[in-house]
Protein backbone atom coordinates (compact mmCIF):
# COMPACT_ATOMS: atom_id res chain seq x y z
CA MET A 1 73.41 108.85 -49.40
CA SER A 2 71.15 105.88 -48.94
CA LYS A 3 68.56 105.62 -46.21
CA LYS A 4 70.28 102.51 -44.84
CA LYS A 5 73.60 104.34 -44.45
CA HIS A 6 71.92 107.23 -42.55
CA HIS A 7 70.38 104.69 -40.17
CA SER A 8 73.77 103.05 -39.41
CA ILE A 9 75.47 106.39 -38.63
CA PHE A 10 72.61 107.28 -36.23
CA TRP A 11 73.05 104.11 -34.16
CA ILE A 12 76.86 104.54 -34.00
CA ILE A 13 76.47 108.09 -32.67
CA PHE A 14 73.80 106.93 -30.16
CA PHE A 15 76.05 104.12 -28.87
CA LEU A 16 79.05 106.45 -28.41
CA LEU A 17 76.88 109.00 -26.59
CA PHE A 18 75.54 106.27 -24.26
CA ILE A 19 79.07 105.20 -23.33
CA VAL A 20 80.12 108.80 -22.51
CA LEU A 21 77.01 109.40 -20.35
CA ALA A 22 77.44 106.11 -18.52
CA GLY A 23 81.07 106.95 -17.77
CA LEU A 24 80.14 110.37 -16.42
CA ALA A 25 77.43 108.84 -14.23
CA GLY A 26 79.88 106.29 -12.82
CA LEU A 27 82.45 108.99 -12.15
CA PHE A 28 79.82 111.09 -10.33
CA TYR A 29 78.77 108.08 -8.22
CA PHE A 30 82.34 107.27 -7.22
CA SER A 31 83.18 110.92 -6.50
CA SER A 32 80.09 111.45 -4.36
CA HIS A 33 80.84 108.34 -2.30
CA SER A 34 84.55 108.97 -1.93
CA GLN A 35 83.99 112.54 -0.80
CA SER A 36 81.09 111.81 1.59
CA GLU A 37 81.58 111.96 5.29
CA GLU A 38 82.60 108.85 7.19
CA PRO A 39 79.53 106.66 7.75
CA GLU A 40 77.93 107.12 11.15
CA ILE A 41 77.04 104.34 13.58
CA GLU A 42 75.43 105.21 16.90
CA VAL A 43 76.66 103.00 19.78
CA LYS A 44 74.75 103.00 23.07
CA PHE A 45 75.20 101.11 26.32
CA TYR A 46 72.51 100.19 28.86
CA LYS A 47 72.93 98.78 32.36
CA GLU A 48 71.29 98.76 35.78
CA ASP A 49 71.50 102.06 37.69
CA THR A 50 73.53 100.40 40.45
CA ILE A 51 76.05 97.63 39.79
CA MET A 52 77.45 95.65 42.71
CA THR A 53 80.12 92.96 42.83
CA GLY A 54 78.90 89.38 42.79
CA GLN A 55 75.53 90.40 41.38
CA ILE A 56 74.46 88.98 38.01
CA ASP A 57 73.30 91.79 35.70
CA ASN A 58 72.66 92.47 32.03
CA TYR A 59 74.74 94.81 29.86
CA LEU A 60 73.23 95.78 26.49
CA PHE A 61 75.17 97.28 23.56
CA THR A 62 73.14 98.65 20.62
CA PHE A 63 74.54 99.64 17.22
CA ARG A 64 72.33 101.78 14.99
CA HIS A 65 73.21 102.48 11.35
CA LEU A 66 72.51 106.16 10.62
CA SER A 67 74.23 106.55 7.22
CA SER A 68 72.56 106.48 3.80
CA ASP A 69 74.69 103.56 2.55
CA ASP A 70 74.37 99.87 3.32
CA ILE A 71 77.02 98.48 5.69
CA ILE A 72 78.49 95.05 5.00
CA GLU A 73 80.69 92.66 7.01
CA PRO A 74 80.25 94.41 10.40
CA GLU A 75 82.49 93.01 13.17
CA VAL A 76 82.34 94.01 16.85
CA THR A 77 85.07 93.55 19.47
CA ILE A 78 84.34 94.16 23.18
CA ILE A 79 87.03 94.05 25.88
CA TRP A 80 85.82 93.91 29.48
CA PRO A 81 87.55 94.41 32.88
CA SER A 82 89.69 91.58 34.26
CA ASP A 83 87.25 90.80 37.09
CA PHE A 84 84.19 90.52 34.82
CA GLN A 85 82.80 86.99 34.49
CA LEU A 86 80.69 86.43 31.37
CA ILE A 87 77.83 83.98 31.93
CA THR A 88 75.86 84.23 28.67
CA SER A 89 75.86 86.32 25.52
CA GLU A 90 73.11 86.91 22.95
CA PRO A 91 74.23 86.37 20.27
CA SER A 92 77.14 84.13 21.23
CA PRO A 93 80.60 85.48 20.34
CA SER A 94 82.01 84.29 17.04
CA GLU A 95 85.29 84.03 18.94
CA GLN A 96 86.03 84.12 22.66
CA LEU A 97 89.01 86.39 23.44
CA VAL A 98 91.09 86.63 26.61
CA GLY A 99 89.09 89.22 28.55
CA GLY A 100 86.64 89.89 25.75
CA GLY A 101 84.67 88.69 22.74
CA PHE A 102 84.43 89.06 18.95
CA TRP A 103 81.14 89.05 16.99
CA LYS A 104 80.50 88.87 13.23
CA PHE A 105 77.13 90.07 11.93
CA ASP A 106 75.19 89.85 8.67
CA ASP A 107 75.00 92.89 6.43
CA PHE A 108 73.62 96.01 8.10
CA PRO A 109 70.89 97.90 6.13
CA ARG A 110 70.53 101.59 6.93
CA GLY A 111 68.23 102.50 9.82
CA LYS A 112 68.50 99.03 11.41
CA PHE A 113 69.84 97.93 14.82
CA LYS A 114 72.31 95.27 15.91
CA THR A 115 72.49 94.32 19.59
CA ILE A 116 74.77 92.39 21.94
CA LEU A 117 73.38 91.42 25.34
CA LEU A 118 75.91 90.27 27.94
CA GLU A 119 74.91 88.62 31.19
CA GLY A 120 77.62 88.47 33.83
CA LYS A 121 78.99 89.71 37.12
CA PHE A 122 81.98 91.58 38.51
CA LEU A 123 83.94 89.59 41.07
CA GLY A 124 85.84 92.37 42.82
CA SER A 125 88.70 94.81 42.55
CA GLU A 126 90.63 97.32 44.66
CA TYR A 127 88.92 100.29 43.03
CA LEU A 128 85.41 101.24 41.91
CA GLY A 129 85.92 102.29 38.30
CA ARG A 130 85.22 99.86 35.42
CA GLN A 131 85.17 100.29 31.67
CA PHE A 132 84.01 98.35 28.61
CA ASN A 133 86.15 99.17 25.56
CA GLY A 134 85.46 98.12 21.99
CA SER A 135 85.19 98.87 18.31
CA ILE A 136 82.95 98.10 15.34
CA ASN A 137 84.71 97.51 11.99
CA PHE A 138 82.79 97.46 8.70
CA LYS A 139 82.72 98.22 4.97
CA ILE A 140 80.35 100.26 2.78
CA LYS A 141 78.64 98.48 -0.07
CA GLY A 142 80.38 99.39 -3.30
CA ILE A 143 83.51 100.76 -1.58
CA SER A 144 86.57 98.68 -0.76
CA SER A 145 87.78 100.85 2.17
CA ASN A 146 87.49 99.64 5.77
CA PHE A 147 85.87 101.82 8.45
CA ALA A 148 85.96 101.61 12.24
CA LYS A 149 84.31 103.28 15.24
CA ASP A 150 85.77 102.97 18.74
CA PHE A 151 83.69 103.17 21.89
CA ASN A 152 84.14 102.97 25.65
CA PHE A 153 81.69 103.12 28.52
CA SER A 154 82.80 103.84 32.10
CA PHE A 155 80.85 103.26 35.30
CA ASN A 156 81.36 102.33 38.95
CA VAL A 157 80.89 98.96 40.60
CA LYS A 158 80.12 99.16 44.29
CA PRO A 159 81.26 96.53 46.82
CA SER A 160 78.45 94.16 47.70
CA LEU A 161 80.00 93.22 51.03
CA ALA A 162 80.35 95.15 54.29
CA LEU A 163 82.75 94.00 56.97
CA GLU A 164 82.79 94.56 60.73
CA ALA A 165 85.07 93.07 63.38
CA ASP A 166 84.49 92.64 67.10
CA LEU A 167 87.90 91.94 68.65
CA PRO A 168 89.26 92.01 72.21
CA SER A 169 90.96 95.31 73.06
CA ILE A 170 93.68 93.59 75.13
CA ILE A 171 95.09 90.09 74.87
CA LYS A 172 97.69 88.41 77.07
CA TYR A 173 100.49 86.23 75.76
CA ASN A 174 99.58 82.51 75.37
CA GLN A 175 96.01 83.17 76.45
CA LYS A 176 93.38 81.89 74.02
CA ASP A 177 90.86 84.48 72.96
CA LYS A 178 88.18 84.78 70.31
CA GLY A 179 87.04 87.33 67.78
CA GLN A 180 83.88 87.79 65.76
CA ILE A 181 83.40 89.00 62.19
CA LYS A 182 80.12 90.17 60.69
CA ILE A 183 79.84 90.17 56.91
CA THR A 184 76.77 91.72 55.26
CA ASN A 185 75.42 91.33 51.73
CA LEU A 186 74.56 94.90 50.69
CA SER A 187 72.92 93.89 47.42
CA ASN A 188 69.34 92.84 46.70
CA LYS A 189 70.47 89.55 45.20
CA GLU A 190 72.08 86.49 46.74
CA ILE A 191 75.88 86.20 46.50
CA SER A 192 77.80 82.93 46.31
CA ASN A 193 81.39 81.84 46.96
CA VAL A 194 82.25 84.48 49.57
CA ARG A 195 85.62 84.27 51.30
CA VAL A 196 87.00 86.01 54.39
CA LEU A 197 90.80 85.95 54.72
CA LEU A 198 92.51 86.76 58.04
CA LYS A 199 96.25 87.42 58.25
CA SER A 200 98.56 88.39 61.09
CA ASP A 201 102.31 88.29 61.71
CA ASN A 202 101.97 87.62 65.43
CA PHE A 203 98.58 85.96 65.99
CA LEU A 204 98.19 82.17 65.73
CA PHE A 205 94.73 80.98 64.71
CA GLU A 206 93.57 77.97 66.71
CA LYS A 207 92.28 76.10 63.64
CA ASP A 208 95.73 75.17 62.31
CA SER A 209 98.19 77.21 64.45
CA LYS A 210 99.13 79.35 61.47
CA ASN A 211 99.15 83.08 60.85
CA THR A 212 96.50 82.83 58.13
CA LEU A 213 92.89 81.70 58.37
CA VAL A 214 90.50 81.19 55.45
CA LEU A 215 86.72 81.20 56.08
CA ASP A 216 84.47 80.34 53.12
CA ILE A 217 80.74 81.08 52.91
CA PRO A 218 78.92 79.20 50.11
CA LEU A 219 75.96 81.59 49.95
CA ILE A 220 74.68 84.81 51.53
CA ASP A 221 71.06 85.73 50.85
CA ALA A 222 70.10 89.21 49.66
CA SER A 223 70.59 91.86 52.40
CA ALA A 224 71.53 89.09 54.87
CA GLU A 225 74.32 88.88 57.47
CA LYS A 226 76.70 86.09 58.43
CA ILE A 227 78.55 85.91 61.74
CA LEU A 228 81.95 84.18 61.78
CA GLU A 229 83.96 83.35 64.90
CA PHE A 230 87.62 82.44 65.31
CA ASN A 231 89.97 81.62 68.18
CA GLY A 232 93.69 82.11 68.62
CA LEU A 233 96.53 83.36 70.77
CA VAL A 234 99.63 85.55 70.72
CA PRO A 235 102.89 83.68 71.51
CA PRO A 236 105.44 85.52 73.70
CA PRO A 237 108.57 86.97 72.04
CA LEU A 238 111.35 84.40 71.68
CA ASN A 239 113.99 86.69 73.26
CA GLY A 240 111.80 87.76 76.14
CA LEU A 241 111.68 91.34 74.84
CA ASN A 242 108.50 92.98 73.76
CA GLU A 243 109.66 94.35 70.40
CA SER A 244 106.09 94.50 69.12
CA SER A 245 103.50 94.89 71.82
CA SER A 246 100.54 94.93 69.50
CA VAL A 247 98.77 92.43 67.27
CA SER A 248 97.91 93.64 63.79
CA LEU A 249 95.08 91.70 62.15
CA GLU A 250 94.26 92.12 58.46
CA ILE A 251 90.73 91.03 57.47
CA THR A 252 89.79 90.89 53.77
CA ALA A 253 86.44 89.87 52.25
CA GLY A 254 85.78 89.05 48.62
CA LEU A 255 84.63 86.43 46.13
CA VAL A 256 86.27 83.25 44.84
CA ASP A 257 86.12 82.08 41.25
CA LYS A 258 88.09 79.06 39.99
CA ASP A 259 90.35 79.19 43.08
CA LYS A 260 91.21 82.85 42.43
CA PHE A 261 90.41 85.34 45.16
CA PHE A 262 88.94 88.75 44.20
CA PRO A 263 89.14 91.09 47.25
CA GLN A 264 86.46 93.72 47.80
CA ILE A 265 86.98 95.25 51.22
CA LYS A 266 89.75 95.21 53.80
CA LEU A 267 90.00 96.06 57.51
CA ILE A 268 93.17 96.35 59.59
CA ARG A 269 92.70 96.13 63.34
CA THR A 270 95.24 96.33 66.15
CA ILE A 271 94.98 94.58 69.53
CA HIS A 272 97.13 95.55 72.51
CA SER A 273 99.04 92.61 74.00
CA GLU A 274 99.99 92.66 77.66
CA SER A 275 103.04 91.10 79.29
CA GLU A 276 105.36 91.53 82.20
CA SER A 277 107.63 93.92 80.35
CA LEU A 278 108.17 97.52 79.43
CA ASP A 279 105.70 98.06 76.59
CA ALA A 280 105.45 100.97 74.17
CA PHE A 281 103.06 101.73 71.31
CA LEU A 282 103.18 104.31 68.55
CA GLU A 283 100.00 105.90 67.21
CA ILE A 284 99.65 108.34 64.32
CA SER A 285 96.30 110.06 63.92
CA GLU A 286 95.05 107.87 66.81
CA ARG A 287 95.73 104.68 64.82
CA ARG A 288 98.39 101.98 64.98
CA ASP A 289 97.95 100.78 61.38
CA GLU A 290 101.39 100.06 59.97
CA LYS A 291 100.65 101.85 56.68
CA GLN A 292 98.95 105.24 56.68
CA ILE A 293 98.38 108.10 54.24
CA ALA A 294 98.65 111.87 54.63
CA SER A 295 98.65 114.99 52.43
CA TRP A 296 101.28 117.64 51.84
CA GLY A 297 101.01 120.48 54.38
CA GLU A 298 99.41 118.34 57.11
CA ASN A 299 100.46 118.38 60.75
CA ILE A 300 100.94 114.74 61.71
CA PRO A 301 99.78 113.96 65.28
CA PHE A 302 101.93 111.42 67.20
CA ARG A 303 101.14 109.61 70.41
CA LEU A 304 103.50 107.32 72.36
CA LEU A 305 102.03 105.13 75.12
CA ILE A 306 104.35 103.48 77.66
CA TYR A 307 103.35 100.76 80.16
CA ASN A 308 105.66 99.54 82.92
CA ASN A 309 104.63 95.92 83.56
CA THR A 310 108.09 94.73 84.63
CA GLY A 311 107.43 94.59 88.38
CA GLU A 312 110.16 97.16 89.12
CA ASN A 313 110.93 100.80 88.60
CA ARG A 314 112.83 101.52 85.37
CA ASP A 315 115.15 104.21 84.01
CA PHE A 316 115.10 104.88 80.29
CA SER A 317 115.17 107.53 77.56
CA ILE A 318 112.97 107.90 74.49
CA SER A 319 114.04 108.34 70.88
CA LEU A 320 111.94 108.68 67.74
CA LYS A 321 113.72 107.43 64.61
CA ILE A 322 112.67 109.03 61.30
CA ASN A 323 113.91 107.83 57.93
CA ASN A 324 113.48 110.23 54.98
CA PRO A 325 113.14 113.36 57.15
CA LEU A 326 113.50 115.52 54.02
CA TYR A 327 109.70 115.35 53.62
CA LEU A 328 109.21 117.12 56.98
CA SER A 329 109.43 120.86 57.70
CA LEU A 330 111.72 120.45 60.68
CA ASP A 331 112.76 124.11 60.44
CA LYS A 332 109.33 124.89 61.93
CA ILE A 333 109.56 122.41 64.81
CA ASN A 334 110.48 125.03 67.41
CA ASN A 335 107.02 126.54 66.92
CA TYR A 336 105.45 123.25 68.05
CA GLU A 337 104.87 121.92 71.53
CA TRP A 338 105.04 118.46 72.98
CA VAL A 339 103.01 117.20 75.91
CA TRP A 340 103.93 114.62 78.54
CA ASN A 341 100.98 113.28 80.56
CA GLY A 342 99.02 116.46 79.86
CA GLN A 343 101.82 118.92 80.75
CA LYS A 344 102.86 121.16 77.84
CA LYS A 345 106.52 121.85 77.02
CA ILE A 346 106.57 124.76 74.61
CA THR A 347 110.04 126.28 74.72
CA SER A 348 112.40 125.58 71.80
CA SER A 349 115.03 124.13 74.17
CA ASN A 350 112.75 121.17 74.83
CA TRP A 351 113.41 119.73 71.36
CA GLN A 352 116.59 117.72 70.91
CA ILE A 353 117.33 116.52 67.36
CA LYS A 354 120.24 114.33 66.31
CA GLU A 355 121.21 113.26 62.80
CA SER A 356 123.06 110.06 61.96
CA SER A 357 123.70 107.78 58.98
CA ASP A 358 120.66 105.70 60.06
CA GLY A 359 118.28 108.63 59.92
CA LEU A 360 117.13 111.47 62.12
CA PHE A 361 116.35 111.07 65.83
CA ILE A 362 114.28 113.21 68.19
CA LEU A 363 115.35 112.54 71.80
CA TRP A 364 113.75 112.82 75.24
CA ASP A 365 115.60 111.87 78.44
CA SER A 366 115.16 112.53 82.15
CA THR A 367 116.44 116.09 81.75
CA LYS A 368 113.44 116.73 79.51
CA ILE A 369 110.98 114.41 81.28
CA PRO A 370 111.98 113.83 84.94
CA GLU A 371 109.51 110.91 85.26
CA LEU A 372 111.72 108.80 82.95
CA LYS A 373 114.12 108.51 85.88
CA ASN A 374 112.81 105.71 88.10
CA PHE A 375 109.63 105.17 86.07
CA ASN A 376 107.21 103.61 88.56
CA ILE A 377 105.74 100.10 88.52
CA ASN A 378 102.39 99.95 86.66
CA GLN A 379 102.80 103.58 85.64
CA ILE A 380 101.50 104.74 82.24
CA GLY A 381 103.30 107.47 80.28
CA GLU A 382 101.87 109.39 77.33
CA LEU A 383 103.88 111.60 74.98
CA GLN A 384 101.99 113.67 72.38
CA PHE A 385 103.22 116.07 69.69
CA SER A 386 102.83 116.94 66.00
CA LEU A 387 105.32 117.17 63.14
CA PRO A 388 104.66 119.26 60.01
CA LEU A 389 104.93 117.83 56.50
CA LYS A 390 106.27 120.10 53.80
CA ASP A 391 103.58 122.03 52.01
CA LYS A 392 102.43 121.54 48.42
CA VAL A 393 104.50 124.43 47.09
CA SER A 394 107.70 122.97 48.56
CA SER A 395 106.93 119.49 47.22
CA LEU A 396 106.56 120.94 43.70
CA LYS A 397 109.60 123.21 43.99
CA GLU A 398 111.82 120.38 45.24
CA ARG A 399 110.16 117.84 42.89
CA LEU A 400 109.61 115.33 45.66
CA LYS A 401 107.97 112.19 44.32
CA GLU A 402 106.55 109.03 45.89
CA ALA A 403 107.29 110.30 49.40
CA ALA A 404 107.20 107.78 52.26
CA ILE A 405 108.45 108.22 55.83
CA LYS A 406 108.92 105.50 58.47
CA PHE A 407 108.62 106.24 62.19
CA VAL A 408 109.53 104.03 65.16
CA PHE A 409 110.17 104.78 68.86
CA TYR A 410 112.87 103.21 71.05
CA LEU A 411 113.06 103.06 74.84
CA ASN A 412 116.71 102.74 75.88
CA ASN A 413 118.48 102.05 79.15
CA GLU A 414 121.16 104.51 80.16
CA ASP A 415 123.80 102.18 78.69
CA SER A 416 121.67 101.70 75.52
CA THR A 417 121.33 97.96 76.09
CA LEU A 418 118.18 95.90 75.50
CA PRO A 419 116.10 98.58 73.75
CA VAL A 420 112.32 98.30 73.56
CA LYS A 421 111.08 98.99 70.05
CA THR A 422 107.54 100.10 69.27
CA ASN A 423 105.49 99.20 66.25
CA GLU A 424 106.73 100.89 63.07
CA ILE A 425 104.41 103.06 60.97
CA GLU A 426 105.05 104.01 57.35
CA LEU A 427 103.40 107.23 56.21
CA LYS A 428 102.88 107.71 52.48
CA ILE A 429 102.01 111.14 51.10
CA ARG A 430 99.30 111.30 48.46
CA THR A 431 99.57 113.42 45.35
CA ASP A 432 97.76 116.72 44.90
CA LEU A 433 95.43 116.49 41.90
CA ASP A 434 93.91 119.85 41.01
CA LEU A 435 91.23 120.42 38.36
CA GLU A 436 90.69 123.98 37.15
CA THR A 437 87.47 124.61 35.20
CA SER A 438 86.39 127.68 33.25
CA ALA A 439 84.08 129.00 30.52
CA ARG A 440 85.77 131.25 27.96
CA TYR A 441 84.68 133.46 25.11
CA TYR A 442 88.20 134.92 24.64
CA ASP A 443 91.57 133.17 24.61
CA ASP A 444 94.57 134.20 26.75
CA GLU A 445 95.51 136.91 24.23
CA ASN A 446 91.94 138.30 24.30
CA TRP A 447 91.05 137.03 20.83
CA PRO A 448 87.45 135.75 20.55
CA ILE A 449 87.14 131.98 20.34
CA GLY A 450 83.38 131.90 20.89
CA GLN A 451 80.64 133.01 18.53
CA GLY A 452 77.57 135.22 18.89
CA PRO A 453 76.95 138.26 21.08
CA PHE A 454 79.04 138.70 24.23
CA PRO A 455 78.04 139.63 26.88
CA LEU A 456 75.12 137.25 26.44
CA GLN A 457 71.88 138.71 25.11
CA ILE A 458 68.28 137.61 25.72
CA GLY A 459 66.79 135.86 22.69
CA GLU A 460 70.17 135.32 20.98
CA CYS A 461 72.56 132.39 20.93
CA THR A 462 76.22 132.47 21.99
CA SER A 463 78.83 129.69 21.80
CA LEU A 464 81.58 129.39 24.44
CA TRP A 465 84.34 126.92 25.25
CA ILE A 466 84.39 124.93 28.49
CA PHE A 467 87.95 124.18 29.68
CA PHE A 468 89.21 121.46 32.05
CA ASP A 469 92.88 121.79 33.13
CA PHE A 470 94.60 119.21 35.37
CA GLN A 471 97.73 119.55 37.48
CA ASN A 472 99.19 116.45 39.15
CA SER A 473 102.04 116.67 41.65
CA THR A 474 104.12 113.96 43.29
CA ASN A 475 102.67 110.53 42.37
CA SER A 476 101.59 108.96 39.10
CA LEU A 477 97.88 108.25 38.53
CA GLU A 478 95.79 105.82 36.50
CA ASN A 479 92.22 105.70 35.18
CA ILE A 480 91.47 109.41 35.56
CA LEU A 481 87.80 110.17 34.94
CA VAL A 482 86.08 113.57 34.78
CA LYS A 483 82.28 113.80 34.56
CA THR A 484 79.71 116.57 34.45
CA LYS A 485 76.28 117.20 32.95
CA LEU A 486 74.97 120.03 30.81
CA PRO A 487 71.80 121.76 32.06
CA THR A 488 68.68 121.49 29.88
CA ASN A 489 69.19 125.01 28.47
CA VAL A 490 72.83 124.37 27.44
CA PHE A 491 73.53 122.63 24.13
CA TRP A 492 76.42 120.42 23.00
CA GLU A 493 78.03 121.69 19.77
CA ASN A 494 79.99 118.50 19.00
CA ASP A 495 83.32 120.31 18.87
CA PHE A 496 85.81 119.00 21.44
CA ARG A 497 89.55 118.48 21.87
CA SER A 498 92.00 117.20 24.48
CA THR A 499 95.77 117.00 24.81
CA VAL A 500 95.47 113.54 26.35
CA GLY A 501 92.70 110.97 26.74
CA LYS A 502 89.27 111.12 25.15
CA ILE A 503 86.20 113.36 25.61
CA SER A 504 82.73 111.87 24.97
CA PHE A 505 79.12 113.05 25.22
CA ASP A 506 75.99 111.02 25.98
CA SER A 507 73.07 112.81 24.29
CA SER A 508 70.46 110.86 26.28
CA THR A 509 71.77 112.03 29.68
CA LYS A 510 73.72 115.14 28.55
CA GLU A 511 76.72 113.77 30.43
CA VAL A 512 80.21 114.84 29.35
CA SER A 513 83.09 112.48 30.21
CA TRP A 514 86.85 112.86 29.90
CA ASN A 515 88.81 109.61 30.26
CA ILE A 516 92.59 109.77 30.72
CA PRO A 517 94.48 106.44 30.93
CA SER A 518 97.33 107.79 33.08
CA LEU A 519 99.13 110.89 34.33
CA ASN A 520 102.76 110.91 35.38
CA PHE A 521 103.99 112.86 38.40
CA PHE A 522 104.55 116.57 37.74
CA GLU A 523 102.21 116.77 34.75
CA GLY A 524 99.87 119.65 34.03
CA GLY A 525 100.04 123.21 35.35
CA PRO A 526 103.54 124.71 34.86
CA PHE A 527 105.01 121.36 33.78
CA SER A 528 102.91 120.49 30.71
CA LEU A 529 99.45 121.09 29.23
CA ILE A 530 96.84 118.55 30.37
CA GLU A 531 93.70 120.11 28.96
CA GLY A 532 90.30 119.10 27.65
CA LYS A 533 87.78 121.48 26.12
CA PHE A 534 84.40 121.40 24.37
CA LEU A 535 82.07 123.91 22.74
CA ILE A 536 78.59 124.68 24.10
CA LYS A 537 75.77 126.98 23.01
CA VAL A 538 73.36 128.95 25.20
CA CYS A 539 70.27 130.91 24.11
CA PRO A 540 68.83 132.71 27.18
CA GLN A 541 65.15 133.56 26.76
CA SER A 542 64.52 135.71 29.84
CA GLU A 543 66.25 137.99 32.31
CA GLU A 544 65.78 135.41 35.06
CA GLU A 545 67.36 132.65 32.95
CA LEU A 546 70.28 134.92 32.07
CA ASP A 547 70.88 135.84 35.73
CA ASN A 548 70.88 132.20 36.89
CA LEU A 549 72.65 130.64 33.91
CA ILE A 550 75.21 127.92 34.59
CA PHE A 551 77.05 126.11 31.81
CA THR A 552 77.64 122.78 33.59
CA GLU A 553 76.61 121.06 36.78
CA PRO A 554 79.38 120.46 39.39
CA VAL A 555 82.36 118.65 37.85
CA ASN A 556 83.37 115.39 39.56
CA PHE A 557 86.71 113.68 39.04
CA GLN A 558 88.49 110.60 40.36
CA ALA A 559 91.79 108.81 39.81
CA TRP A 560 93.49 105.64 41.05
CA GLU A 561 96.83 106.25 42.82
CA PRO A 562 98.98 103.07 42.69
CA PHE A 563 101.58 104.40 45.18
CA THR A 564 99.09 104.75 48.04
CA GLN A 565 96.62 102.18 46.63
CA THR A 566 93.76 104.64 47.06
CA LEU A 567 91.08 106.25 44.92
CA ILE A 568 91.37 110.03 44.83
CA ARG A 569 88.11 111.94 44.41
CA GLY A 570 87.33 115.61 43.99
CA GLN A 571 84.69 118.06 42.81
CA SER A 572 84.77 121.49 41.19
CA PRO A 573 81.77 123.84 41.41
CA ALA A 574 79.27 124.33 38.61
CA ILE A 575 80.78 126.42 35.79
CA HIS A 576 79.49 129.91 35.02
CA LEU A 577 80.93 133.19 33.80
């Protein structure tokens, strides 16, 4: 065979071998990328230690690329709370969203940072908790798949305003009187566009003879006070009867933005109004507020005050009307006493209860209280007693939800004509939210779920699970947040699970958070599993450390209760074995 022919065969074999090797290399590259872990981006959030409404502050989001591959086409979406007002953004959003923003960035080499700096302020809300939610979407160079990382950061925003009211304790019908309101800026920055809103059903403000008064304050300097005054009067009842012998005044302070009012703090005050009539006032827990809140198992203290300003002696009986009495433990009432003008009546025969289609009535007449017969001119009568609410166990057993009871007293003549009606009070019963915490090495069937020596040994490492279990009772909840911190000698193992919501860990502060969007009534405990858990590691190095070892600091939790419009807070002790 010729030399030339040998040379041609050599190059053909070399070319074929090159193609095979190149194909194998490409296959290895694709396989290694397709089987690699999802690329990691570290998202952090920085803010001032204390955030207050109306105060302009900076909020910094940083995105750090920790993977070995180059990221391309990164896009960030941030959604902020409804009362957040964005002033500036660096960089500016590529697109302004309703309640948020959208940013597109250049390609993202590994090890580099991207940042978004927001400048803005919170205008006000009925609860403290706020949350920024968002996501970063991106691709990996050389791979067509899309990747995404969600993030959320929760924190509290404190009211920047404090409110005090100096009102007359007694006001006569058609007599002009004045009140004073002090509003204080609690923050260390000036606040603009402050509004104070006053409302009352039976008080006419002198400014425009209406039941509503708006007072605007353009600016309050840092830590400064403003004093506001108003005048008004209480008109007499049209029918000559004193059906409501008290003036309820609702005072709300907040901020205004684009003609929208964002309330921060509210006061409700009651003023006694005098007249030449038979007046009566109901108090629960020493307050006349028309809406009040209690807890299951409480004894509710009642007080009825009666004033005879008619100019003549009067005969009457007393009745307390209760709607929804099923929330009360009336079977226990005979164990309770009632007191008239300081004199106790403790025998069971002193209670007289009557049921009707309108509700349940508790009655007192002159056979129970002799002074109700020929009640003297200018005399004052005081009736005091307590009624028990059903306990927590009963509320769960009977599945009572969104419980509210209304109470009102009537003073009746012997022929039941022309009754005097007191102020009505509605009592709402808050839910019981219980958080059970524990550290476990074994599961309920005594199988080990931890790792390492147990009991713990000095100089060796052991992993255990920390459990959070919620039980909610009679009312639904929103924005449930659980927070705790790990001590310096306890380590996060990045293994966590939850049946609802999301668990997160901040490595810079060692804070563990569990965010739950909502809980329905009768969730958790025997009804369903509402559980979050995460794995920790401890490596005690001395006898002293072992004896004093705790796995978490005290566990704080809070939740917004729409039914009572209140924020529920609680704390569980530090977790240890």
